[in-house]
Amino acid sequence: MANMMLWIMVSLAISIGVSFIVPFPYSLAVVIPIFIGMSYFIRRRQMQRMGMGGQGGGFGSMLGGGGGGVNYICISCGHKFKGGACPRCGSKMKKADF
């Protein structure tokens, strides 16, 4: 939560700074791409921290660019596998990982 508030404050400071330097109609054209770019950068960094950064990145994996079928993650031990019971612990409790 604190990290999210930090990025909101950084984005707000950049937006205010740009709006003081650049006149109004042009400042919107500058601030909106900066805001979208920062959101993209933050999302990409968070995905890499979760170990999902190597799957095409960007919006490709959200729009069906992954294409490898459904994998499952064992709820008990966290092992990733294709289907059925977990090969590591034998548990049938699993959640889907797209």
PDB file of N, CA and C in Angstrom:
ATOM      1  N   MET A   1       0.819  -1.195   0.000  1.00  0.00           N
ATOM      2  CA  MET A   1       0.000   0.000   0.000  1.00  0.00           C
ATOM      3  C   MET A   1       0.868   1.267   0.000  1.00  0.00           C
ATOM      4  N   ALA A   2       1.933   1.240   0.772  1.00  0.00           N
ATOM      5  CA  ALA A   2       2.812   2.412   0.836  1.00  0.00           C
ATOM      6  C   ALA A   2       3.509   2.636  -0.504  1.00  0.00           C
ATOM      7  N   ASN A   3       3.890   1.546  -1.173  1.00  0.00           N
ATOM      8  CA  ASN A   3       4.534   1.653  -2.477  1.00  0.00           C
ATOM      9  C   ASN A   3       3.582   2.265  -3.504  1.00  0.00           C
ATOM     10  N   MET A   4       2.315   1.879  -3.438  1.00  0.00           N
ATOM     11  CA  MET A   4       1.321   2.419  -4.355  1.00  0.00           C
ATOM     12  C   MET A   4       1.119   3.924  -4.111  1.00  0.00           C
ATOM     13  N   MET A   5       1.074   4.311  -2.842  1.00  0.00           N
ATOM     14  CA  MET A   5       0.916   5.734  -2.517  1.00  0.00           C
ATOM     15  C   MET A   5       2.130   6.539  -2.990  1.00  0.00           C
ATOM     16  N   LEU A   6       3.318   5.947  -2.886  1.00  0.00           N
ATOM     17  CA  LEU A   6       4.527   6.615  -3.357  1.00  0.00           C
ATOM     18  C   LEU A   6       4.437   6.892  -4.857  1.00  0.00           C
ATOM     19  N   TRP A   7       4.004   5.882  -5.646  1.00  0.00           N
ATOM     20  CA  TRP A   7       3.898   6.070  -7.090  1.00  0.00           C
ATOM     21  C   TRP A   7       2.809   7.073  -7.455  1.00  0.00           C
ATOM     22  N   ILE A   8       1.729   7.104  -6.675  1.00  0.00           N
ATOM     23  CA  ILE A   8       0.682   8.104  -6.919  1.00  0.00           C
ATOM     24  C   ILE A   8       1.230   9.502  -6.683  1.00  0.00           C
ATOM     25  N   MET A   9       1.993   9.679  -5.613  1.00  0.00           N
ATOM     26  CA  MET A   9       2.575  10.991  -5.314  1.00  0.00           C
ATOM     27  C   MET A   9       3.597  11.408  -6.377  1.00  0.00           C
ATOM     28  N   VAL A  10       4.408  10.459  -6.846  1.00  0.00           N
ATOM     29  CA  VAL A  10       5.383  10.769  -7.898  1.00  0.00           C
ATOM     30  C   VAL A  10       4.658  11.184  -9.175  1.00  0.00           C
ATOM     31  N   SER A  11       3.607  10.455  -9.520  1.00  0.00           N
ATOM     32  CA  SER A  11       2.834  10.784 -10.716  1.00  0.00           C
ATOM     33  C   SER A  11       2.165  12.156 -10.589  1.00  0.00           C
ATOM     34  N   LEU A  12       1.627  12.438  -9.419  1.00  0.00           N
ATOM     35  CA  LEU A  12       0.990  13.740  -9.182  1.00  0.00           C
ATOM     36  C   LEU A  12       2.009  14.870  -9.257  1.00  0.00           C
ATOM     37  N   ALA A  13       3.200  14.662  -8.683  1.00  0.00           N
ATOM     38  CA  ALA A  13       4.243  15.692  -8.722  1.00  0.00           C
ATOM     39  C   ALA A  13       4.694  15.960 -10.158  1.00  0.00           C
ATOM     40  N   ILE A  14       4.854  14.906 -10.948  1.00  0.00           N
ATOM     41  CA  ILE A  14       5.246  15.086 -12.350  1.00  0.00           C
ATOM     42  C   ILE A  14       4.149  15.824 -13.110  1.00  0.00           C
ATOM     43  N   SER A  15       2.894  15.467 -12.869  1.00  0.00           N
ATOM     44  CA  SER A  15       1.778  16.118 -13.556  1.00  0.00           C
ATOM     45  C   SER A  15       1.697  17.602 -13.211  1.00  0.00           C
ATOM     46  N   ILE A  16       1.840  17.920 -11.945  1.00  0.00           N
ATOM     47  CA  ILE A  16       1.791  19.330 -11.531  1.00  0.00           C
ATOM     48  C   ILE A  16       2.982  20.089 -12.104  1.00  0.00           C
ATOM     49  N   GLY A  17       4.165  19.475 -12.072  1.00  0.00           N
ATOM     50  CA  GLY A  17       5.359  20.128 -12.618  1.00  0.00           C
ATOM     51  C   GLY A  17       5.224  20.426 -14.098  1.00  0.00           C
ATOM     52  N   VAL A  18       4.705  19.461 -14.853  1.00  0.00           N
ATOM     53  CA  VAL A  18       4.524  19.670 -16.295  1.00  0.00           C
ATOM     54  C   VAL A  18       3.469  20.737 -16.549  1.00  0.00           C
ATOM     55  N   SER A  19       2.396  20.748 -15.751  1.00  0.00           N
ATOM     56  CA  SER A  19       1.338  21.730 -15.982  1.00  0.00           C
ATOM     57  C   SER A  19       1.792  23.156 -15.652  1.00  0.00           C
ATOM     58  N   PHE A  20       2.801  23.315 -14.787  1.00  0.00           N
ATOM     59  CA  PHE A  20       3.344  24.648 -14.527  1.00  0.00           C
ATOM     60  C   PHE A  20       4.235  25.119 -15.664  1.00  0.00           C
ATOM     61  N   ILE A  21       4.905  24.195 -16.325  1.00  0.00           N
ATOM     62  CA  ILE A  21       5.860  24.558 -17.372  1.00  0.00           C
ATOM     63  C   ILE A  21       5.179  24.714 -18.732  1.00  0.00           C
ATOM     64  N   VAL A  22       4.273  23.792 -19.050  1.00  0.00           N
ATOM     65  CA  VAL A  22       3.641  23.756 -20.371  1.00  0.00           C
ATOM     66  C   VAL A  22       2.230  24.339 -20.260  1.00  0.00           C
ATOM     67  N   PRO A  23       1.774  25.170 -21.221  1.00  0.00           N
ATOM     68  CA  PRO A  23       0.423  25.729 -21.169  1.00  0.00           C
ATOM     69  C   PRO A  23      -0.653  24.640 -21.229  1.00  0.00           C
ATOM     70  N   PHE A  24      -1.875  24.992 -20.827  1.00  0.00           N
ATOM     71  CA  PHE A  24      -2.940  24.024 -20.576  1.00  0.00           C
ATOM     72  C   PHE A  24      -3.229  23.005 -21.675  1.00  0.00           C
ATOM     73  N   PRO A  25      -3.618  23.347 -22.860  1.00  0.00           N
ATOM     74  CA  PRO A  25      -4.013  22.262 -23.763  1.00  0.00           C
ATOM     75  C   PRO A  25      -2.859  21.312 -24.083  1.00  0.00           C
ATOM     76  N   TYR A  26      -1.649  21.847 -24.113  1.00  0.00           N
ATOM     77  CA  TYR A  26      -0.495  21.020 -24.438  1.00  0.00           C
ATOM     78  C   TYR A  26      -0.063  20.171 -23.245  1.00  0.00           C
ATOM     79  N   SER A  27      -0.313  20.667 -22.038  1.00  0.00           N
ATOM     80  CA  SER A  27       0.088  19.905 -20.854  1.00  0.00           C
ATOM     81  C   SER A  27      -0.692  18.593 -20.752  1.00  0.00           C
ATOM     82  N   LEU A  28      -1.961  18.594 -21.184  1.00  0.00           N
ATOM     83  CA  LEU A  28      -2.727  17.350 -21.186  1.00  0.00           C
ATOM     84  C   LEU A  28      -2.121  16.343 -22.145  1.00  0.00           C
ATOM     85  N   ALA A  29      -1.673  16.837 -23.296  1.00  0.00           N
ATOM     86  CA  ALA A  29      -1.065  15.955 -24.288  1.00  0.00           C
ATOM     87  C   ALA A  29       0.273  15.400 -23.804  1.00  0.00           C
ATOM     88  N   VAL A  30       0.895  16.046 -22.839  1.00  0.00           N
ATOM     89  CA  VAL A  30       2.167  15.572 -22.290  1.00  0.00           C
ATOM     90  C   VAL A  30       1.932  14.694 -21.057  1.00  0.00           C
ATOM     91  N   VAL A  31       0.993  15.078 -20.194  1.00  0.00           N
ATOM     92  CA  VAL A  31       0.782  14.391 -18.925  1.00  0.00           C
ATOM     93  C   VAL A  31       0.132  13.015 -19.125  1.00  0.00           C
ATOM     94  N   ILE A  32      -0.813  12.901 -20.037  1.00  0.00           N
ATOM     95  CA  ILE A  32      -1.518  11.621 -20.226  1.00  0.00           C
ATOM     96  C   ILE A  32      -0.561  10.523 -20.694  1.00  0.00           C
ATOM     97  N   PRO A  33       0.298  10.732 -21.700  1.00  0.00           N
ATOM     98  CA  PRO A  33       1.251   9.672 -22.052  1.00  0.00           C
ATOM     99  C   PRO A  33       2.242   9.344 -20.926  1.00  0.00           C
ATOM    100  N   ILE A  34       2.631  10.357 -20.151  1.00  0.00           N
ATOM    101  CA  ILE A  34       3.521  10.096 -19.014  1.00  0.00           C
ATOM    102  C   ILE A  34       2.817   9.207 -17.995  1.00  0.00           C
ATOM    103  N   PHE A  35       1.567   9.499 -17.700  1.00  0.00           N
ATOM    104  CA  PHE A  35       0.804   8.708 -16.736  1.00  0.00           C
ATOM    105  C   PHE A  35       0.620   7.274 -17.233  1.00  0.00           C
ATOM    106  N   ILE A  36       0.278   7.105 -18.504  1.00  0.00           N
ATOM    107  CA  ILE A  36       0.105   5.756 -19.058  1.00  0.00           C
ATOM    108  C   ILE A  36       1.441   5.013 -19.077  1.00  0.00           C
ATOM    109  N   GLY A  37       2.505   5.701 -19.432  1.00  0.00           N
ATOM    110  CA  GLY A  37       3.829   5.073 -19.441  1.00  0.00           C
ATOM    111  C   GLY A  37       4.276   4.638 -18.053  1.00  0.00           C
ATOM    112  N   MET A  38       4.017   5.464 -17.038  1.00  0.00           N
ATOM    113  CA  MET A  38       4.366   5.085 -15.671  1.00  0.00           C
ATOM    114  C   MET A  38       3.538   3.892 -15.214  1.00  0.00           C
ATOM    115  N   SER A  39       2.264   3.854 -15.558  1.00  0.00           N
ATOM    116  CA  SER A  39       1.416   2.719 -15.192  1.00  0.00           C
ATOM    117  C   SER A  39       1.921   1.439 -15.846  1.00  0.00           C
ATOM    118  N   TYR A  40       2.302   1.521 -17.109  1.00  0.00           N
ATOM    119  CA  TYR A  40       2.846   0.365 -17.826  1.00  0.00           C
ATOM    120  C   TYR A  40       4.146  -0.110 -17.178  1.00  0.00           C
ATOM    121  N   PHE A  41       5.024   0.836 -16.833  1.00  0.00           N
ATOM    122  CA  PHE A  41       6.298   0.496 -16.209  1.00  0.00           C
ATOM    123  C   PHE A  41       6.087  -0.170 -14.848  1.00  0.00           C
ATOM    124  N   ILE A  42       5.185   0.370 -14.039  1.00  0.00           N
ATOM    125  CA  ILE A  42       4.918  -0.194 -12.717  1.00  0.00           C
ATOM    126  C   ILE A  42       4.336  -1.593 -12.856  1.00  0.00           C
ATOM    127  N   ARG A  43       3.393  -1.770 -13.776  1.00  0.00           N
ATOM    128  CA  ARG A  43       2.782  -3.087 -13.973  1.00  0.00           C
ATOM    129  C   ARG A  43       3.810  -4.109 -14.441  1.00  0.00           C
ATOM    130  N   ARG A  44       4.660  -3.722 -15.365  1.00  0.00           N
ATOM    131  CA  ARG A  44       5.687  -4.635 -15.866  1.00  0.00           C
ATOM    132  C   ARG A  44       6.660  -5.029 -14.761  1.00  0.00           C
ATOM    133  N   ARG A  45       7.029  -4.063 -13.933  1.00  0.00           N
ATOM    134  CA  ARG A  45       7.943  -4.354 -12.825  1.00  0.00           C
ATOM    135  C   ARG A  45       7.305  -5.294 -11.803  1.00  0.00           C
ATOM    136  N   GLN A  46       6.031  -5.089 -11.499  1.00  0.00           N
ATOM    137  CA  GLN A  46       5.334  -5.966 -10.563  1.00  0.00           C
ATOM    138  C   GLN A  46       5.188  -7.372 -11.141  1.00  0.00           C
ATOM    139  N   MET A  47       4.912  -7.488 -12.439  1.00  0.00           N
ATOM    140  CA  MET A  47       4.792  -8.798 -13.071  1.00  0.00           C
ATOM    141  C   MET A  47       6.130  -9.541 -13.026  1.00  0.00           C
ATOM    142  N   GLN A  48       7.229  -8.833 -13.218  1.00  0.00           N
ATOM    143  CA  GLN A  48       8.542  -9.462 -13.144  1.00  0.00           C
ATOM    144  C   GLN A  48       8.840  -9.915 -11.730  1.00  0.00           C
ATOM    145  N   ARG A  49       8.436  -9.152 -10.732  1.00  0.00           N
ATOM    146  CA  ARG A  49       8.638  -9.546  -9.338  1.00  0.00           C
ATOM    147  C   ARG A  49       7.853 -10.799  -8.989  1.00  0.00           C
ATOM    148  N   MET A  50       6.685 -10.982  -9.620  1.00  0.00           N
ATOM    149  CA  MET A  50       5.874 -12.166  -9.360  1.00  0.00           C
ATOM    150  C   MET A  50       6.333 -13.354 -10.205  1.00  0.00           C
ATOM    151  N   GLY A  51       7.311 -13.151 -11.087  1.00  0.00           N
ATOM    152  CA  GLY A  51       7.817 -14.236 -11.914  1.00  0.00           C
ATOM    153  C   GLY A  51       7.038 -14.438 -13.190  1.00  0.00           C
ATOM    154  N   MET A  52       6.286 -13.439 -13.622  1.00  0.00           N
ATOM    155  CA  MET A  52       5.474 -13.566 -14.832  1.00  0.00           C
ATOM    156  C   MET A  52       5.973 -12.653 -15.938  1.00  0.00           C
ATOM    157  N   GLY A  53       7.171 -12.112 -15.814  1.00  0.00           N
ATOM    158  CA  GLY A  53       7.669 -11.150 -16.781  1.00  0.00           C
ATOM    159  C   GLY A  53       8.141 -11.744 -18.087  1.00  0.00           C
ATOM    160  N   GLY A  54       8.483 -13.024 -18.118  1.00  0.00           N
ATOM    161  CA  GLY A  54       9.025 -13.615 -19.325  1.00  0.00           C
ATOM    162  C   GLY A  54       7.979 -14.153 -20.278  1.00  0.00           C
ATOM    163  N   GLN A  55       6.706 -13.909 -20.054  1.00  0.00           N
ATOM    164  CA  GLN A  55       5.651 -14.464 -20.887  1.00  0.00           C
ATOM    165  C   GLN A  55       5.150 -13.463 -21.916  1.00  0.00           C
ATOM    166  N   GLY A  56       6.042 -12.780 -22.573  1.00  0.00           N
ATOM    167  CA  GLY A  56       5.644 -11.860 -23.622  1.00  0.00           C
ATOM    168  C   GLY A  56       5.505 -10.439 -23.127  1.00  0.00           C
ATOM    169  N   GLY A  57       5.361 -10.220 -21.830  1.00  0.00           N
ATOM    170  CA  GLY A  57       5.247  -8.879 -21.280  1.00  0.00           C
ATOM    171  C   GLY A  57       4.051  -8.133 -21.825  1.00  0.00           C
ATOM    172  N   GLY A  58       3.937  -6.886 -21.495  1.00  0.00           N
ATOM    173  CA  GLY A  58       2.899  -6.008 -22.030  1.00  0.00           C
ATOM    174  C   GLY A  58       1.497  -6.571 -21.954  1.00  0.00           C
ATOM    175  N   PHE A  59       0.729  -6.339 -23.004  1.00  0.00           N
ATOM    176  CA  PHE A  59      -0.658  -6.767 -23.028  1.00  0.00           C
ATOM    177  C   PHE A  59      -0.847  -8.064 -23.798  1.00  0.00           C
ATOM    178  N   GLY A  60       0.210  -8.632 -24.368  1.00  0.00           N
ATOM    179  CA  GLY A  60       0.095  -9.845 -25.164  1.00  0.00           C
ATOM    180  C   GLY A  60      -0.405 -11.028 -24.372  1.00  0.00           C
ATOM    181  N   SER A  61       0.081 -11.190 -23.145  1.00  0.00           N
ATOM    182  CA  SER A  61      -0.340 -12.331 -22.348  1.00  0.00           C
ATOM    183  C   SER A  61      -1.777 -12.164 -21.864  1.00  0.00           C
ATOM    184  N   MET A  62      -2.243 -10.924 -21.715  1.00  0.00           N
ATOM    185  CA  MET A  62      -3.625 -10.709 -21.281  1.00  0.00           C
ATOM    186  C   MET A  62      -4.607 -10.935 -22.424  1.00  0.00           C
ATOM    187  N   LEU A  63      -4.158 -10.750 -23.659  1.00  0.00           N
ATOM    188  CA  LEU A  63      -5.045 -10.877 -24.800  1.00  0.00           C
ATOM    189  C   LEU A  63      -4.965 -12.247 -25.460  1.00  0.00           C
ATOM    190  N   GLY A  64      -4.414 -13.218 -24.759  1.00  0.00           N
ATOM    191  CA  GLY A  64      -4.358 -14.569 -25.292  1.00  0.00           C
ATOM    192  C   GLY A  64      -3.065 -14.893 -26.005  1.00  0.00           C
ATOM    193  N   GLY A  65      -2.032 -14.117 -25.809  1.00  0.00           N
ATOM    194  CA  GLY A  65      -0.764 -14.364 -26.470  1.00  0.00           C
ATOM    195  C   GLY A  65       0.075 -15.439 -25.806  1.00  0.00           C
ATOM    196  N   GLY A  66      -0.331 -15.907 -24.617  1.00  0.00           N
ATOM    197  CA  GLY A  66       0.421 -16.934 -23.904  1.00  0.00           C
ATOM    198  C   GLY A  66       0.387 -18.245 -24.642  1.00  0.00           C
ATOM    199  N   GLY A  67      -0.805 -18.756 -24.925  1.00  0.00           N
ATOM    200  CA  GLY A  67      -1.008 -19.886 -25.790  1.00  0.00           C
ATOM    201  C   GLY A  67      -0.510 -21.243 -25.326  1.00  0.00           C
ATOM    202  N   GLY A  68      -0.047 -21.407 -24.107  1.00  0.00           N
ATOM    203  CA  GLY A  68       0.495 -22.678 -23.686  1.00  0.00           C
ATOM    204  C   GLY A  68      -0.503 -23.557 -22.971  1.00  0.00           C
ATOM    205  N   GLY A  69      -1.777 -23.251 -22.986  1.00  0.00           N
ATOM    206  CA  GLY A  69      -2.774 -24.035 -22.276  1.00  0.00           C
ATOM    207  C   GLY A  69      -2.843 -23.642 -20.808  1.00  0.00           C
ATOM    208  N   VAL A  70      -3.511 -24.480 -20.035  1.00  0.00           N
ATOM    209  CA  VAL A  70      -3.709 -24.182 -18.627  1.00  0.00           C
ATOM    210  C   VAL A  70      -2.731 -24.997 -17.791  1.00  0.00           C
ATOM    211  N   ASN A  71      -2.000 -24.332 -16.945  1.00  0.00           N
ATOM    212  CA  ASN A  71      -1.175 -24.993 -15.949  1.00  0.00           C
ATOM    213  C   ASN A  71      -1.878 -24.857 -14.613  1.00  0.00           C
ATOM    214  N   TYR A  72      -1.522 -25.704 -13.678  1.00  0.00           N
ATOM    215  CA  TYR A  72      -2.104 -25.648 -12.347  1.00  0.00           C
ATOM    216  C   TYR A  72      -1.002 -25.469 -11.324  1.00  0.00           C
ATOM    217  N   ILE A  73      -1.366 -24.838 -10.209  1.00  0.00           N
ATOM    218  CA  ILE A  73      -0.453 -24.666  -9.093  1.00  0.00           C
ATOM    219  C   ILE A  73      -1.055 -25.379  -7.897  1.00  0.00           C
ATOM    220  N   CYS A  74      -0.268 -26.233  -7.267  1.00  0.00           N
ATOM    221  CA  CYS A  74      -0.723 -26.976  -6.095  1.00  0.00           C
ATOM    222  C   CYS A  74      -0.911 -26.005  -4.936  1.00  0.00           C
ATOM    223  N   ILE A  75      -2.051 -26.089  -4.277  1.00  0.00           N
ATOM    224  CA  ILE A  75      -2.321 -25.203  -3.149  1.00  0.00           C
ATOM    225  C   ILE A  75      -1.479 -25.601  -1.944  1.00  0.00           C
ATOM    226  N   SER A  76      -1.169 -26.876  -1.801  1.00  0.00           N
ATOM    227  CA  SER A  76      -0.406 -27.348  -0.642  1.00  0.00           C
ATOM    228  C   SER A  76       1.070 -26.973  -0.709  1.00  0.00           C
ATOM    229  N   CYS A  77       1.717 -27.291  -1.834  1.00  0.00           N
ATOM    230  CA  CYS A  77       3.175 -27.102  -1.887  1.00  0.00           C
ATOM    231  C   CYS A  77       3.625 -26.014  -2.866  1.00  0.00           C
ATOM    232  N   GLY A  78       2.736 -25.525  -3.740  1.00  0.00           N
ATOM    233  CA  GLY A  78       3.084 -24.458  -4.672  1.00  0.00           C
ATOM    234  C   GLY A  78       3.755 -24.929  -5.956  1.00  0.00           C
ATOM    235  N   HIS A  79       3.798 -26.223  -6.196  1.00  0.00           N
ATOM    236  CA  HIS A  79       4.424 -26.770  -7.404  1.00  0.00           C
ATOM    237  C   HIS A  79       3.522 -26.528  -8.623  1.00  0.00           C
ATOM    238  N   LYS A  80       4.130 -26.171  -9.761  1.00  0.00           N
ATOM    239  CA  LYS A  80       3.384 -25.920 -10.999  1.00  0.00           C
ATOM    240  C   LYS A  80       3.394 -27.190 -11.843  1.00  0.00           C
ATOM    241  N   PHE A  81       2.212 -27.622 -12.323  1.00  0.00           N
ATOM    242  CA  PHE A  81       2.110 -28.846 -13.111  1.00  0.00           C
ATOM    243  C   PHE A  81       0.974 -28.733 -14.097  1.00  0.00           C
ATOM    244  N   LYS A  82       0.824 -29.724 -14.983  1.00  0.00           N
ATOM    245  CA  LYS A  82      -0.159 -29.669 -16.065  1.00  0.00           C
ATOM    246  C   LYS A  82      -1.570 -30.066 -15.634  1.00  0.00           C
ATOM    247  N   GLY A  83      -1.779 -31.166 -14.968  1.00  0.00           N
ATOM    248  CA  GLY A  83      -3.134 -31.568 -14.610  1.00  0.00           C
ATOM    249  C   GLY A  83      -3.135 -32.773 -13.698  1.00  0.00           C
ATOM    250  N   GLY A  84      -4.317 -33.155 -13.220  1.00  0.00           N
ATOM    251  CA  GLY A  84      -4.440 -34.289 -12.314  1.00  0.00           C
ATOM    252  C   GLY A  84      -3.963 -33.934 -10.923  1.00  0.00           C
ATOM    253  N   ALA A  85      -3.329 -34.895 -10.262  1.00  0.00           N
ATOM    254  CA  ALA A  85      -2.806 -34.677  -8.915  1.00  0.00           C
ATOM    255  C   ALA A  85      -1.391 -34.106  -8.995  1.00  0.00           C
ATOM    256  N   CYS A  86      -0.981 -33.440  -7.934  1.00  0.00           N
ATOM    257  CA  CYS A  86       0.363 -32.859  -7.870  1.00  0.00           C
ATOM    258  C   CYS A  86       1.399 -33.982  -7.850  1.00  0.00           C
ATOM    259  N   PRO A  87       2.392 -33.932  -8.760  1.00  0.00           N
ATOM    260  CA  PRO A  87       3.407 -34.989  -8.777  1.00  0.00           C
ATOM    261  C   PRO A  87       4.347 -34.932  -7.581  1.00  0.00           C
ATOM    262  N   ARG A  88       4.434 -33.785  -6.926  1.00  0.00           N
ATOM    263  CA  ARG A  88       5.352 -33.642  -5.803  1.00  0.00           C
ATOM    264  C   ARG A  88       4.756 -34.180  -4.503  1.00  0.00           C
ATOM    265  N   CYS A  89       3.503 -33.737  -4.169  1.00  0.00           N
ATOM    266  CA  CYS A  89       2.938 -34.130  -2.878  1.00  0.00           C
ATOM    267  C   CYS A  89       1.696 -35.017  -3.002  1.00  0.00           C
ATOM    268  N   GLY A  90       1.128 -35.158  -4.206  1.00  0.00           N
ATOM    269  CA  GLY A  90      -0.026 -36.020  -4.416  1.00  0.00           C
ATOM    270  C   GLY A  90      -1.367 -35.359  -4.128  1.00  0.00           C
ATOM    271  N   SER A  91      -1.364 -34.106  -3.758  1.00  0.00           N
ATOM    272  CA  SER A  91      -2.608 -33.402  -3.439  1.00  0.00           C
ATOM    273  C   SER A  91      -3.405 -33.113  -4.718  1.00  0.00           C
ATOM    274  N   LYS A  92      -4.717 -33.150  -4.604  1.00  0.00           N
ATOM    275  CA  LYS A  92      -5.573 -32.816  -5.746  1.00  0.00           C
ATOM    276  C   LYS A  92      -6.130 -31.398  -5.638  1.00  0.00           C
ATOM    277  N   MET A  93      -5.723 -30.675  -4.607  1.00  0.00           N
ATOM    278  CA  MET A  93      -6.156 -29.280  -4.443  1.00  0.00           C
ATOM    279  C   MET A  93      -5.252 -28.411  -5.292  1.00  0.00           C
ATOM    280  N   LYS A  94      -5.841 -27.722  -6.284  1.00  0.00           N
ATOM    281  CA  LYS A  94      -5.047 -26.941  -7.212  1.00  0.00           C
ATOM    282  C   LYS A  94      -5.814 -25.699  -7.631  1.00  0.00           C
ATOM    283  N   LYS A  95      -5.082 -24.727  -8.168  1.00  0.00           N
ATOM    284  CA  LYS A  95      -5.718 -23.542  -8.755  1.00  0.00           C
ATOM    285  C   LYS A  95      -5.136 -23.336 -10.143  1.00  0.00           C
ATOM    286  N   ALA A  96      -5.936 -22.782 -11.019  1.00  0.00           N
ATOM    287  CA  ALA A  96      -5.533 -22.589 -12.410  1.00  0.00           C
ATOM    288  C   ALA A  96      -4.551 -21.437 -12.516  1.00  0.00           C
ATOM    289  N   ASP A  97      -3.571 -21.584 -13.403  1.00  0.00           N
ATOM    290  CA  ASP A  97      -2.581 -20.552 -13.695  1.00  0.00           C
ATOM    291  C   ASP A  97      -2.550 -20.384 -15.206  1.00  0.00           C
ATOM    292  N   PHE A  98      -3.078 -19.245 -15.699  1.00  0.00           N
ATOM    293  CA  PHE A  98      -3.196 -19.037 -17.143  1.00  0.00           C
ATOM    294  C   PHE A  98      -1.952 -18.434 -17.697  1.00  0.00           C
TER     295      PHE A  98
END
